[in-house]
Each structure stands twice: as structure tokens, then as C-alpha cells.
Amino acid sequence: MDVIHTPMDKDFRADVKAIEQVCVIMNNSARISIIIIIIIIIIIIIIIIIIIIIIIIIIIIIIIIIIIIIIIIIIIIILPLLLLLIIIIISVIII
């Protein structure tokens, strides 16, 4: 059985080629979209990690400052008391 090529067959083949090209373009753009989405997710994760590190550093600095302030307050409160104790001991020894 011979295949008879009509002008419609040529149009159909051209349509199929056009559809194939569209599919290839869509496939490539889908790959590019997936790559872009992965890059954006990686960037977001990196930003979140940096923010967490900055927050941890700030918390550590605040804790260190609070400890220093507490030590200073203890020194300010205890030094006069120690001096008073020394004075009392010396006066008791003298008397």
C-alpha cells in the first residue's frame, strides 16, 4: 500500500515539528526555572544561617556585658564592705 502525500500531510508534519520545538523550549525553560528555584532556596538558607549566627553573637555579647556589669556591681558593693570589715578588725586589734 503506497502512502500518498497530500499537502495536508506536509502541514501536519510542520505542525508536529513546531510542537516539538515548543516542547524542547518548555523543557529547557523548566530546567532553568528549577535551577533558579534551587539557587534562590540556597541563598535563603545562607541568609537564614547568617542571621542565626549574628543573633547568637549578639546574645553572647549581651551575656558577657551582663556578667561584666554584675561583677562591677559586686565589686562596688563588696569593696566598701571589705574596707569596713578591715577598719573594724584594725580598730578591734588596736583597742
PDB file of N, CA and C in Angstrom:
ATOM      1  N   MET A   1       0.848  -1.183   0.000  1.00  0.00           N
ATOM      2  CA  MET A   1       0.000   0.000   0.000  1.00  0.00           C
ATOM      3  C   MET A   1       0.891   1.241   0.000  1.00  0.00           C
ATOM      4  N   ASP A   2       0.728   2.040  -1.006  1.00  0.00           N
ATOM      5  CA  ASP A   2       1.548   3.246  -1.122  1.00  0.00           C
ATOM      6  C   ASP A   2       0.980   4.355  -0.245  1.00  0.00           C
ATOM      7  N   VAL A   3       1.901   5.136   0.317  1.00  0.00           N
ATOM      8  CA  VAL A   3       1.468   6.303   1.096  1.00  0.00           C
ATOM      9  C   VAL A   3       1.383   7.480   0.128  1.00  0.00           C
ATOM     10  N   ILE A   4       0.212   8.077   0.118  1.00  0.00           N
ATOM     11  CA  ILE A   4       0.015   9.235  -0.749  1.00  0.00           C
ATOM     12  C   ILE A   4       0.205  10.481   0.106  1.00  0.00           C
ATOM     13  N   HIS A   5       1.164  11.321  -0.312  1.00  0.00           N
ATOM     14  CA  HIS A   5       1.416  12.555   0.439  1.00  0.00           C
ATOM     15  C   HIS A   5       0.535  13.655  -0.119  1.00  0.00           C
ATOM     16  N   THR A   6      -0.278  14.145   0.742  1.00  0.00           N
ATOM     17  CA  THR A   6      -1.138  15.272   0.356  1.00  0.00           C
ATOM     18  C   THR A   6      -0.545  16.537   0.947  1.00  0.00           C
ATOM     19  N   PRO A   7      -0.972  17.684   0.485  1.00  0.00           N
ATOM     20  CA  PRO A   7      -0.488  18.938   1.088  1.00  0.00           C
ATOM     21  C   PRO A   7      -0.788  18.994   2.596  1.00  0.00           C
ATOM     22  N   MET A   8      -1.880  18.305   3.025  1.00  0.00           N
ATOM     23  CA  MET A   8      -2.225  18.322   4.448  1.00  0.00           C
ATOM     24  C   MET A   8      -1.172  17.581   5.276  1.00  0.00           C
ATOM     25  N   ASP A   9      -0.582  16.504   4.694  1.00  0.00           N
ATOM     26  CA  ASP A   9       0.465  15.769   5.395  1.00  0.00           C
ATOM     27  C   ASP A   9       1.649  16.676   5.700  1.00  0.00           C
ATOM     28  N   LYS A  10       2.026  17.501   4.718  1.00  0.00           N
ATOM     29  CA  LYS A  10       3.149  18.424   4.927  1.00  0.00           C
ATOM     30  C   LYS A  10       2.811  19.430   6.026  1.00  0.00           C
ATOM     31  N   ASP A  11       1.584  19.953   6.017  1.00  0.00           N
ATOM     32  CA  ASP A  11       1.157  20.879   7.079  1.00  0.00           C
ATOM     33  C   ASP A  11       1.209  20.190   8.440  1.00  0.00           C
ATOM     34  N   PHE A  12       0.741  18.940   8.457  1.00  0.00           N
ATOM     35  CA  PHE A  12       0.722  18.191   9.719  1.00  0.00           C
ATOM     36  C   PHE A  12       2.138  17.993  10.244  1.00  0.00           C
ATOM     37  N   ARG A  13       3.057  17.611   9.305  1.00  0.00           N
ATOM     38  CA  ARG A  13       4.457  17.435   9.716  1.00  0.00           C
ATOM     39  C   ARG A  13       5.040  18.747  10.236  1.00  0.00           C
ATOM     40  N   ALA A  14       4.721  19.841   9.584  1.00  0.00           N
ATOM     41  CA  ALA A  14       5.207  21.146  10.044  1.00  0.00           C
ATOM     42  C   ALA A  14       4.650  21.459  11.427  1.00  0.00           C
ATOM     43  N   ASP A  15       3.364  21.133  11.634  1.00  0.00           N
ATOM     44  CA  ASP A  15       2.760  21.351  12.958  1.00  0.00           C
ATOM     45  C   ASP A  15       3.450  20.510  14.025  1.00  0.00           C
ATOM     46  N   VAL A  16       3.730  19.245  13.692  1.00  0.00           N
ATOM     47  CA  VAL A  16       4.409  18.365  14.645  1.00  0.00           C
ATOM     48  C   VAL A  16       5.788  18.915  14.980  1.00  0.00           C
ATOM     49  N   LYS A  17       6.530  19.375  13.967  1.00  0.00           N
ATOM     50  CA  LYS A  17       7.863  19.962  14.208  1.00  0.00           C
ATOM     51  C   LYS A  17       7.746  21.181  15.115  1.00  0.00           C
ATOM     52  N   ALA A  18       6.746  22.035  14.846  1.00  0.00           N
ATOM     53  CA  ALA A  18       6.555  23.238  15.663  1.00  0.00           C
ATOM     54  C   ALA A  18       6.241  22.845  17.104  1.00  0.00           C
ATOM     55  N   ILE A  19       5.390  21.840  17.283  1.00  0.00           N
ATOM     56  CA  ILE A  19       5.044  21.380  18.634  1.00  0.00           C
ATOM     57  C   ILE A  19       6.272  20.803  19.321  1.00  0.00           C
ATOM     58  N   GLU A  20       7.091  20.050  18.587  1.00  0.00           N
ATOM     59  CA  GLU A  20       8.323  19.502  19.163  1.00  0.00           C
ATOM     60  C   GLU A  20       9.251  20.622  19.639  1.00  0.00           C
ATOM     61  N   GLN A  21       9.388  21.665  18.807  1.00  0.00           N
ATOM     62  CA  GLN A  21      10.253  22.781  19.187  1.00  0.00           C
ATOM     63  C   GLN A  21       9.720  23.464  20.443  1.00  0.00           C
ATOM     64  N   VAL A  22       8.396  23.644  20.511  1.00  0.00           N
ATOM     65  CA  VAL A  22       7.796  24.267  21.704  1.00  0.00           C
ATOM     66  C   VAL A  22       8.079  23.403  22.933  1.00  0.00           C
ATOM     67  N   CYS A  23       7.950  22.069  22.768  1.00  0.00           N
ATOM     68  CA  CYS A  23       8.217  21.159  23.891  1.00  0.00           C
ATOM     69  C   CYS A  23       9.667  21.266  24.344  1.00  0.00           C
ATOM     70  N   VAL A  24      10.599  21.327  23.392  1.00  0.00           N
ATOM     71  CA  VAL A  24      12.021  21.458  23.747  1.00  0.00           C
ATOM     72  C   VAL A  24      12.259  22.762  24.496  1.00  0.00           C
ATOM     73  N   ILE A  25      11.661  23.853  23.987  1.00  0.00           N
ATOM     74  CA  ILE A  25      11.828  25.163  24.639  1.00  0.00           C
ATOM     75  C   ILE A  25      11.242  25.122  26.051  1.00  0.00           C
ATOM     76  N   MET A  26      10.042  24.517  26.191  1.00  0.00           N
ATOM     77  CA  MET A  26       9.407  24.443  27.512  1.00  0.00           C
ATOM     78  C   MET A  26      10.242  23.584  28.461  1.00  0.00           C
ATOM     79  N   ASN A  27      10.798  22.503  27.951  1.00  0.00           N
ATOM     80  CA  ASN A  27      11.635  21.626  28.771  1.00  0.00           C
ATOM     81  C   ASN A  27      12.869  22.388  29.267  1.00  0.00           C
ATOM     82  N   ASN A  28      13.524  23.112  28.357  1.00  0.00           N
ATOM     83  CA  ASN A  28      14.699  23.904  28.743  1.00  0.00           C
ATOM     84  C   ASN A  28      14.332  24.969  29.760  1.00  0.00           C
ATOM     85  N   SER A  29      13.207  25.660  29.532  1.00  0.00           N
ATOM     86  CA  SER A  29      12.814  26.715  30.467  1.00  0.00           C
ATOM     87  C   SER A  29      12.440  26.109  31.815  1.00  0.00           C
ATOM     88  N   ALA A  30      11.876  24.895  31.819  1.00  0.00           N
ATOM     89  CA  ALA A  30      11.564  24.227  33.086  1.00  0.00           C
ATOM     90  C   ALA A  30      12.852  23.914  33.844  1.00  0.00           C
ATOM     91  N   ARG A  31      13.873  23.437  33.129  1.00  0.00           N
ATOM     92  CA  ARG A  31      15.174  23.174  33.772  1.00  0.00           C
ATOM     93  C   ARG A  31      15.749  24.455  34.358  1.00  0.00           C
ATOM     94  N   ILE A  32      15.711  25.519  33.574  1.00  0.00           N
ATOM     95  CA  ILE A  32      16.243  26.807  34.046  1.00  0.00           C
ATOM     96  C   ILE A  32      15.465  27.267  35.271  1.00  0.00           C
ATOM     97  N   SER A  33      14.133  27.108  35.249  1.00  0.00           N
ATOM     98  CA  SER A  33      13.316  27.511  36.393  1.00  0.00           C
ATOM     99  C   SER A  33      13.690  26.719  37.635  1.00  0.00           C
ATOM    100  N   ILE A  34      13.886  25.414  37.480  1.00  0.00           N
ATOM    101  CA  ILE A  34      14.262  24.580  38.627  1.00  0.00           C
ATOM    102  C   ILE A  34      15.621  25.018  39.168  1.00  0.00           C
ATOM    103  N   ILE A  35      16.564  25.287  38.279  1.00  0.00           N
ATOM    104  CA  ILE A  35      17.900  25.737  38.723  1.00  0.00           C
ATOM    105  C   ILE A  35      17.778  27.058  39.480  1.00  0.00           C
ATOM    106  N   ILE A  36      16.982  27.996  38.950  1.00  0.00           N
ATOM    107  CA  ILE A  36      16.794  29.301  39.612  1.00  0.00           C
ATOM    108  C   ILE A  36      16.155  29.104  40.982  1.00  0.00           C
ATOM    109  N   ILE A  37      15.152  28.237  41.069  1.00  0.00           N
ATOM    110  CA  ILE A  37      14.482  27.985  42.355  1.00  0.00           C
ATOM    111  C   ILE A  37      15.479  27.396  43.356  1.00  0.00           C
ATOM    112  N   ILE A  38      16.307  26.453  42.914  1.00  0.00           N
ATOM    113  CA  ILE A  38      17.311  25.850  43.807  1.00  0.00           C
ATOM    114  C   ILE A  38      18.293  26.915  44.285  1.00  0.00           C
ATOM    115  N   ILE A  39      18.748  27.785  43.375  1.00  0.00           N
ATOM    116  CA  ILE A  39      19.693  28.853  43.756  1.00  0.00           C
ATOM    117  C   ILE A  39      19.041  29.782  44.778  1.00  0.00           C
ATOM    118  N   ILE A  40      17.768  30.146  44.554  1.00  0.00           N
ATOM    119  CA  ILE A  40      17.066  31.040  45.489  1.00  0.00           C
ATOM    120  C   ILE A  40      16.943  30.369  46.861  1.00  0.00           C
ATOM    121  N   ILE A  41      16.604  29.068  46.879  1.00  0.00           N
ATOM    122  CA  ILE A  41      16.487  28.351  48.157  1.00  0.00           C
ATOM    123  C   ILE A  41      17.835  28.328  48.882  1.00  0.00           C
ATOM    124  N   ILE A  42      18.928  28.074  48.144  1.00  0.00           N
ATOM    125  CA  ILE A  42      20.263  28.059  48.761  1.00  0.00           C
ATOM    126  C   ILE A  42      20.598  29.432  49.336  1.00  0.00           C
ATOM    127  N   ILE A  43      20.295  30.498  48.578  1.00  0.00           N
ATOM    128  CA  ILE A  43      20.566  31.860  49.063  1.00  0.00           C
ATOM    129  C   ILE A  43      19.763  32.137  50.330  1.00  0.00           C
ATOM    130  N   ILE A  44      18.481  31.734  50.347  1.00  0.00           N
ATOM    131  CA  ILE A  44      17.642  31.954  51.529  1.00  0.00           C
ATOM    132  C   ILE A  44      18.209  31.200  52.727  1.00  0.00           C
ATOM    133  N   ILE A  45      18.640  29.957  52.514  1.00  0.00           N
ATOM    134  CA  ILE A  45      19.221  29.171  53.617  1.00  0.00           C
ATOM    135  C   ILE A  45      20.484  29.844  54.143  1.00  0.00           C
ATOM    136  N   ILE A  46      21.337  30.329  53.233  1.00  0.00           N
ATOM    137  CA  ILE A  46      22.574  31.012  53.657  1.00  0.00           C
ATOM    138  C   ILE A  46      22.236  32.262  54.465  1.00  0.00           C
ATOM    139  N   ILE A  47      21.249  33.038  54.006  1.00  0.00           N
ATOM    140  CA  ILE A  47      20.846  34.263  54.721  1.00  0.00           C
ATOM    141  C   ILE A  47      20.326  33.905  56.111  1.00  0.00           C
ATOM    142  N   ILE A  48      19.502  32.843  56.198  1.00  0.00           N
ATOM    143  CA  ILE A  48      18.967  32.427  57.498  1.00  0.00           C
ATOM    144  C   ILE A  48      20.106  32.010  58.432  1.00  0.00           C
ATOM    145  N   ILE A  49      21.081  31.258  57.912  1.00  0.00           N
ATOM    146  CA  ILE A  49      22.225  30.834  58.738  1.00  0.00           C
ATOM    147  C   ILE A  49      23.008  32.051  59.226  1.00  0.00           C
ATOM    148  N   ILE A  50      23.242  33.023  58.330  1.00  0.00           N
ATOM    149  CA  ILE A  50      23.974  34.239  58.718  1.00  0.00           C
ATOM    150  C   ILE A  50      23.213  34.990  59.803  1.00  0.00           C
ATOM    151  N   ILE A  51      21.876  35.113  59.648  1.00  0.00           N
ATOM    152  CA  ILE A  51      21.060  35.813  60.647  1.00  0.00           C
ATOM    153  C   ILE A  51      21.139  35.087  61.988  1.00  0.00           C
ATOM    154  N   ILE A  52      21.061  33.754  61.967  1.00  0.00           N
ATOM    155  CA  ILE A  52      21.148  32.979  63.214  1.00  0.00           C
ATOM    156  C   ILE A  52      22.506  33.189  63.876  1.00  0.00           C
ATOM    157  N   ILE A  53      23.578  33.177  63.081  1.00  0.00           N
ATOM    158  CA  ILE A  53      24.926  33.395  63.639  1.00  0.00           C
ATOM    159  C   ILE A  53      25.027  34.789  64.262  1.00  0.00           C
ATOM    160  N   ILE A  54      24.485  35.801  63.567  1.00  0.00           N
ATOM    161  CA  ILE A  54      24.519  37.176  64.096  1.00  0.00           C
ATOM    162  C   ILE A  54      23.741  37.249  65.407  1.00  0.00           C
ATOM    163  N   ILE A  55      22.554  36.608  65.454  1.00  0.00           N
ATOM    164  CA  ILE A  55      21.743  36.619  66.678  1.00  0.00           C
ATOM    165  C   ILE A  55      22.504  35.940  67.823  1.00  0.00           C
ATOM    166  N   ILE A  56      23.151  34.812  67.536  1.00  0.00           N
ATOM    167  CA  ILE A  56      23.922  34.108  68.574  1.00  0.00           C
ATOM    168  C   ILE A  56      25.063  34.986  69.078  1.00  0.00           C
ATOM    169  N   ILE A  57      25.760  35.661  68.157  1.00  0.00           N
ATOM    170  CA  ILE A  57      26.864  36.552  68.552  1.00  0.00           C
ATOM    171  C   ILE A  57      26.338  37.689  69.429  1.00  0.00           C
ATOM    172  N   ILE A  58      25.198  38.280  69.028  1.00  0.00           N
ATOM    173  CA  ILE A  58      24.609  39.375  69.817  1.00  0.00           C
ATOM    174  C   ILE A  58      24.233  38.872  71.210  1.00  0.00           C
ATOM    175  N   ILE A  59      23.635  37.677  71.293  1.00  0.00           N
ATOM    176  CA  ILE A  59      23.247  37.114  72.590  1.00  0.00           C
ATOM    177  C   ILE A  59      24.491  36.885  73.455  1.00  0.00           C
ATOM    178  N   ILE A  60      25.562  36.355  72.859  1.00  0.00           N
ATOM    179  CA  ILE A  60      26.800  36.123  73.616  1.00  0.00           C
ATOM    180  C   ILE A  60      27.369  37.446  74.128  1.00  0.00           C
ATOM    181  N   ILE A  61      27.369  38.474  73.273  1.00  0.00           N
ATOM    182  CA  ILE A  61      27.876  39.799  73.678  1.00  0.00           C
ATOM    183  C   ILE A  61      27.035  40.346  74.827  1.00  0.00           C
ATOM    184  N   ILE A  62      25.700  40.221  74.725  1.00  0.00           N
ATOM    185  CA  ILE A  62      24.814  40.723  75.784  1.00  0.00           C
ATOM    186  C   ILE A  62      25.096  39.972  77.095  1.00  0.00           C
ATOM    187  N   ILE A  63      25.262  38.652  77.019  1.00  0.00           N
ATOM    188  CA  ILE A  63      25.552  37.857  78.223  1.00  0.00           C
ATOM    189  C   ILE A  63      26.877  38.306  78.841  1.00  0.00           C
ATOM    190  N   ILE A  64      27.899  38.522  78.013  1.00  0.00           N
ATOM    191  CA  ILE A  64      29.208  38.975  78.519  1.00  0.00           C
ATOM    192  C   ILE A  64      29.071  40.344  79.197  1.00  0.00           C
ATOM    193  N   ILE A  65      28.317  41.256  78.563  1.00  0.00           N
ATOM    194  CA  ILE A  65      28.112  42.591  79.146  1.00  0.00           C
ATOM    195  C   ILE A  65      27.389  42.478  80.488  1.00  0.00           C
ATOM    196  N   ILE A  66      26.352  41.626  80.552  1.00  0.00           N
ATOM    197  CA  ILE A  66      25.606  41.447  81.808  1.00  0.00           C
ATOM    198  C   ILE A  66      26.534  40.888  82.895  1.00  0.00           C
ATOM    199  N   ILE A  67      27.369  39.913  82.532  1.00  0.00           N
ATOM    200  CA  ILE A  67      28.305  39.332  83.510  1.00  0.00           C
ATOM    201  C   ILE A  67      29.283  40.398  84.005  1.00  0.00           C
ATOM    202  N   ILE A  68      29.798  41.214  83.090  1.00  0.00           N
ATOM    203  CA  ILE A  68      30.736  42.284  83.476  1.00  0.00           C
ATOM    204  C   ILE A  68      30.044  43.276  84.413  1.00  0.00           C
ATOM    205  N   ILE A  69      28.793  43.654  84.084  1.00  0.00           N
ATOM    206  CA  ILE A  69      28.044  44.592  84.930  1.00  0.00           C
ATOM    207  C   ILE A  69      27.817  43.986  86.318  1.00  0.00           C
ATOM    208  N   ILE A  70      27.462  42.707  86.370  1.00  0.00           N
ATOM    209  CA  ILE A  70      27.249  42.038  87.663  1.00  0.00           C
ATOM    210  C   ILE A  70      28.545  42.029  88.466  1.00  0.00           C
ATOM    211  N   ILE A  71      29.669  41.727  87.822  1.00  0.00           N
ATOM    212  CA  ILE A  71      30.968  41.712  88.515  1.00  0.00           C
ATOM    213  C   ILE A  71      31.293  43.110  89.049  1.00  0.00           C
ATOM    214  N   ILE A  72      31.044  44.134  88.242  1.00  0.00           N
ATOM    215  CA  ILE A  72      31.315  45.518  88.671  1.00  0.00           C
ATOM    216  C   ILE A  72      30.436  45.876  89.869  1.00  0.00           C
ATOM    217  N   ILE A  73      29.149  45.494  89.791  1.00  0.00           N
ATOM    218  CA  ILE A  73      28.226  45.789  90.901  1.00  0.00           C
ATOM    219  C   ILE A  73      28.696  45.061  92.162  1.00  0.00           C
ATOM    220  N   ILE A  74      29.088  43.806  92.032  1.00  0.00           N
ATOM    221  CA  ILE A  74      29.573  43.040  93.185  1.00  0.00           C
ATOM    222  C   ILE A  74      30.824  43.706  93.766  1.00  0.00           C
ATOM    223  N   ILE A  75      31.734  44.132  92.903  1.00  0.00           N
ATOM    224  CA  ILE A  75      32.956  44.806  93.368  1.00  0.00           C
ATOM    225  C   ILE A  75      32.591  46.103  94.081  1.00  0.00           C
ATOM    226  N   ILE A  76      31.663  46.870  93.517  1.00  0.00           N
ATOM    227  CA  ILE A  76      31.260  48.155  94.112  1.00  0.00           C
ATOM    228  C   ILE A  76      30.597  47.916  95.467  1.00  0.00           C
ATOM    229  N   ILE A  77      29.821  46.839  95.596  1.00  0.00           N
ATOM    230  CA  ILE A  77      29.135  46.563  96.861  1.00  0.00           C
ATOM    231  C   ILE A  77      30.099  45.932  97.874  1.00  0.00           C
ATOM    232  N   ILE A  78      30.935  45.009  97.439  1.00  0.00           N
ATOM    233  CA  ILE A  78      31.769  44.240  98.363  1.00  0.00           C
ATOM    234  C   ILE A  78      33.000  45.036  98.819  1.00  0.00           C
ATOM    235  N   LEU A  79      33.580  45.862  97.957  1.00  0.00           N
ATOM    236  CA  LEU A  79      34.789  46.608  98.329  1.00  0.00           C
ATOM    237  C   LEU A  79      34.569  47.504  99.551  1.00  0.00           C
ATOM    238  N   PRO A  80      33.517  48.315  99.566  1.00  0.00           N
ATOM    239  CA  PRO A  80      33.291  49.128 100.782  1.00  0.00           C
ATOM    240  C   PRO A  80      33.070  48.255 102.026  1.00  0.00           C
ATOM    241  N   LEU A  81      32.355  47.144 101.826  1.00  0.00           N
ATOM    242  CA  LEU A  81      32.125  46.243 102.964  1.00  0.00           C
ATOM    243  C   LEU A  81      33.435  45.652 103.452  1.00  0.00           C
ATOM    244  N   LEU A  82      34.300  45.275 102.516  1.00  0.00           N
ATOM    245  CA  LEU A  82      35.609  44.736 102.900  1.00  0.00           C
ATOM    246  C   LEU A  82      36.436  45.797 103.628  1.00  0.00           C
ATOM    247  N   LEU A  83      36.400  46.998 103.088  1.00  0.00           N
ATOM    248  CA  LEU A  83      37.122  48.090 103.741  1.00  0.00           C
ATOM    249  C   LEU A  83      36.584  48.324 105.154  1.00  0.00           C
ATOM    250  N   LEU A  84      35.273  48.308 105.287  1.00  0.00           N
ATOM    251  CA  LEU A  84      34.645  48.481 106.591  1.00  0.00           C
ATOM    252  C   LEU A  84      35.063  47.354 107.544  1.00  0.00           C
ATOM    253  N   LEU A  85      35.088  46.136 107.012  1.00  0.00           N
ATOM    254  CA  LEU A  85      35.494  44.982 107.824  1.00  0.00           C
ATOM    255  C   LEU A  85      36.946  45.128 108.270  1.00  0.00           C
ATOM    256  N   ILE A  86      37.800  45.547 107.336  1.00  0.00           N
ATOM    257  CA  ILE A  86      39.222  45.742 107.673  1.00  0.00           C
ATOM    258  C   ILE A  86      39.351  46.819 108.753  1.00  0.00           C
ATOM    259  N   ILE A  87      38.636  47.907 108.600  1.00  0.00           N
ATOM    260  CA  ILE A  87      38.687  49.004 109.585  1.00  0.00           C
ATOM    261  C   ILE A  87      38.225  48.491 110.955  1.00  0.00           C
ATOM    262  N   ILE A  88      37.141  47.726 110.954  1.00  0.00           N
ATOM    263  CA  ILE A  88      36.617  47.185 112.216  1.00  0.00           C
ATOM    264  C   ILE A  88      37.652  46.250 112.855  1.00  0.00           C
ATOM    265  N   ILE A  89      38.262  45.383 112.054  1.00  0.00           N
ATOM    266  CA  ILE A  89      39.262  44.439 112.582  1.00  0.00           C
ATOM    267  C   ILE A  89      40.450  45.209 113.144  1.00  0.00           C
ATOM    268  N   ILE A  90      40.911  46.207 112.409  1.00  0.00           N
ATOM    269  CA  ILE A  90      42.065  47.004 112.867  1.00  0.00           C
ATOM    270  C   ILE A  90      41.714  47.732 114.173  1.00  0.00           C
ATOM    271  N   SER A  91      40.529  48.328 114.231  1.00  0.00           N
ATOM    272  CA  SER A  91      40.135  49.055 115.447  1.00  0.00           C
ATOM    273  C   SER A  91      39.985  48.106 116.638  1.00  0.00           C
ATOM    274  N   VAL A  92      39.482  46.874 116.362  1.00  0.00           N
ATOM    275  CA  VAL A  92      39.362  45.888 117.448  1.00  0.00           C
ATOM    276  C   VAL A  92      40.757  45.481 117.925  1.00  0.00           C
ATOM    277  N   ILE A  93      41.683  45.299 116.989  1.00  0.00           N
ATOM    278  CA  ILE A  93      43.050  44.916 117.351  1.00  0.00           C
ATOM    279  C   ILE A  93      43.698  46.049 118.147  1.00  0.00           C
ATOM    280  N   ILE A  94      43.494  47.292 117.743  1.00  0.00           N
ATOM    281  CA  ILE A  94      44.091  48.444 118.421  1.00  0.00           C
ATOM    282  C   ILE A  94      43.495  48.566 119.830  1.00  0.00           C
ATOM    283  N   ILE A  95      42.215  48.397 119.935  1.00  0.00           N
ATOM    284  CA  ILE A  95      41.556  48.525 121.242  1.00  0.00           C
ATOM    285  C   ILE A  95      41.922  47.302 122.070  1.00  0.00           C
TER     286      ILE A  95
END
